[in-house]
Amino acid sequence: MSVPGKLELTIKINEFPADVKTVENGWKEFELDCDGQVVSVKVKPKVFKKLEQAQENYPMWVAAIAGKMGLPTENGFVLNEPNIQVFERKPKEPKEPTEPAATATT
């Protein structure tokens, strides 16, 4: 007998979706290309606002879109129950080159 599990997906993006459609009740719908799999995402306006605020307020950001795998589509699948978390990304400071340790000669 197999062990029951829960499949959750997390998709990370760092660009604002290009083709966002407003559908019934103001919900926002967009697609993400994940290595050739097209993932269809539909979220409430309040949830989508997190992406809009990240675009406006942060020069660099990353969003984690989590949900369950839904029905298959022609090129991928629908992401059910999506939720979005946005994080500001800080640019990495370049590491200063360290001088090689001096070797003692005897």
Protein backbone atom coordinates (compact mmCIF):
# COMPACT_ATOMS: atom_id res chain seq x y z
CA MET A 1 0.00 0.00 0.00
CA SER A 2 1.37 3.41 -0.91
CA VAL A 3 1.89 6.21 1.59
CA PRO A 4 -0.42 9.20 1.12
CA GLY A 5 1.31 12.47 0.29
CA LYS A 6 0.50 16.04 -0.63
CA LEU A 7 1.82 17.52 -3.87
CA GLU A 8 2.51 21.25 -3.74
CA LEU A 9 4.33 23.24 -6.37
CA THR A 10 6.34 26.41 -5.94
CA ILE A 11 7.25 28.48 -8.98
CA LYS A 12 9.74 31.31 -8.60
CA ILE A 13 9.68 34.34 -10.89
CA ASN A 14 11.61 37.62 -10.91
CA GLU A 15 9.82 39.38 -13.77
CA PHE A 16 6.33 40.81 -13.90
CA PRO A 17 4.00 38.67 -16.07
CA ALA A 18 3.68 40.26 -19.51
CA ASP A 19 0.19 39.23 -20.60
CA VAL A 20 -2.16 39.63 -17.63
CA LYS A 21 -5.90 39.37 -18.28
CA THR A 22 -8.63 40.60 -15.98
CA VAL A 23 -11.40 38.00 -15.82
CA GLU A 24 -14.63 37.60 -13.83
CA ASN A 25 -14.87 39.45 -10.50
CA GLY A 26 -11.63 41.33 -11.25
CA TRP A 27 -9.45 38.24 -10.87
CA LYS A 28 -6.12 38.31 -12.70
CA GLU A 29 -5.08 35.50 -15.01
CA PHE A 30 -1.63 34.94 -16.50
CA GLU A 31 0.61 32.16 -17.76
CA LEU A 32 4.11 31.15 -16.77
CA ASP A 33 6.52 29.16 -18.93
CA CYS A 34 8.29 26.69 -16.66
CA ASP A 35 10.84 24.81 -18.77
CA GLY A 36 8.33 24.30 -21.58
CA GLN A 37 5.34 23.59 -19.31
CA VAL A 38 2.82 26.43 -19.46
CA VAL A 39 1.28 26.98 -16.05
CA SER A 40 -2.02 28.91 -15.96
CA VAL A 41 -2.49 31.01 -12.83
CA LYS A 42 -5.64 32.85 -11.71
CA VAL A 43 -5.60 34.90 -8.49
CA LYS A 44 -7.72 37.39 -6.61
CA PRO A 45 -6.89 41.08 -7.19
CA LYS A 46 -5.62 41.38 -3.60
CA VAL A 47 -3.11 38.57 -4.16
CA PHE A 48 -2.01 39.94 -7.55
CA LYS A 49 -1.40 43.34 -5.95
CA LYS A 50 1.65 41.82 -4.24
CA LEU A 51 3.30 41.44 -7.66
CA GLU A 52 2.32 44.97 -8.67
CA GLN A 53 3.78 46.40 -5.45
CA ALA A 54 7.02 44.46 -5.93
CA GLN A 55 7.34 45.85 -9.46
CA GLU A 56 6.79 49.41 -8.18
CA ASN A 57 8.81 49.32 -4.95
CA TYR A 58 11.78 47.01 -5.47
CA PRO A 59 14.51 47.27 -8.11
CA MET A 60 15.07 43.51 -7.72
CA TRP A 61 12.57 41.01 -6.37
CA VAL A 62 11.55 37.38 -6.48
CA ALA A 63 8.05 35.95 -6.10
CA ALA A 64 7.17 32.45 -4.97
CA ILE A 65 3.87 31.28 -6.41
CA ALA A 66 2.72 28.13 -4.61
CA GLY A 67 -0.26 25.91 -5.30
CA LYS A 68 -1.51 22.48 -6.27
CA MET A 69 -1.29 20.88 -9.69
CA GLY A 70 -4.68 21.17 -11.35
CA LEU A 71 -6.21 20.02 -14.58
CA PRO A 72 -3.95 19.49 -17.59
CA THR A 73 -4.10 21.99 -20.45
CA GLU A 74 -2.87 21.74 -24.02
CA ASN A 75 0.67 22.87 -23.10
CA GLY A 76 0.84 22.35 -19.33
CA PHE A 77 -1.58 22.59 -16.43
CA VAL A 78 -3.63 24.89 -14.20
CA LEU A 79 -2.22 25.87 -10.80
CA ASN A 80 -5.01 25.42 -8.22
CA GLU A 81 -5.28 27.48 -5.04
CA PRO A 82 -2.31 29.73 -5.90
CA ASN A 83 -0.76 32.00 -3.32
CA ILE A 84 1.98 34.56 -3.89
CA GLN A 85 4.80 35.67 -1.60
CA VAL A 86 7.17 38.43 -2.73
CA PHE A 87 10.67 39.07 -1.44
CA GLU A 88 13.03 41.94 -2.15
CA ARG A 89 16.36 40.80 -3.58
CA LYS A 90 19.45 42.63 -2.51
CA PRO A 91 22.28 42.74 -5.02
CA LYS A 92 25.21 40.66 -3.92
CA GLU A 93 28.23 42.75 -3.10
CA PRO A 94 31.33 41.63 -4.96
CA LYS A 95 33.77 39.77 -2.80
CA GLU A 96 37.06 41.50 -2.28
CA PRO A 97 39.96 39.44 -3.56
CA THR A 98 41.91 38.00 -0.69
CA GLU A 99 45.65 38.03 -0.81
CA PRO A 100 47.27 34.61 -0.83
CA ALA A 101 48.68 33.64 2.51
CA ALA A 102 52.38 34.26 2.76
CA THR A 103 54.34 31.07 2.96
CA ALA A 104 57.16 30.92 5.41
CA THR A 105 60.50 29.80 4.05
CA THR A 106 63.12 28.29 6.32
